[in-house]
Amino acid sequence: MKLPTASRPYSILIVEDNGSDVFLLERALNRQKIAFKLIHLRDGGAALAFIHKEGIYSNSPRPDLILVDLNLPKIGGEDVIRAVRGAKHLNGVPACVWSSSESPRDRESLTRLGVDQFIFKPSGLEQFMQIGKTVQDLLLGGLSAATPAVS
């Protein structure tokens, strides 16, 4: 997959309740010069409606990448990933969990669900900016579930 032109930016769905993390992700993507349109949902309930194309999301676009925080209000990230993997219209879309949790149990569970990447949310700004490169690699098809996450 080639990086799109300004006429066709990548569509990235991010399910994240922390606005600061979304802001930093946008900065990391801009630093990589990725043309993108962010679809930001703040909780797991909205994510499930988006995935199932319900209500206001009935005409939602098919994202090129899905990033899901593990700890979400209403419905957790693991349930959101399970729904993504069960939605036929999202087959082939990379689905990633990004979280501040480094729990091996979480990683094992999410790998079984078919997560393409587990991205650790670092506390340092420069480390956070490296997430842009990880996302770029995912969009270009250069990472697999076996690839180490950003740390």
Foldseek 3Di string as FASTA:
>chain_A
DDQDDLVDAAEEEEAAQDPVLVVLLVVLQVVVVGNYDYDYHDFLVVLLCLLVLHDPNVPPDQGQEYEYEQDGPPDGRLVSLLSLLVRPVNPPRAYEYEYCDPDPVVLVSVVVSPHFDYAYCDPDSVLSSCVSVVVVCVSVVNGGHPDHHRD
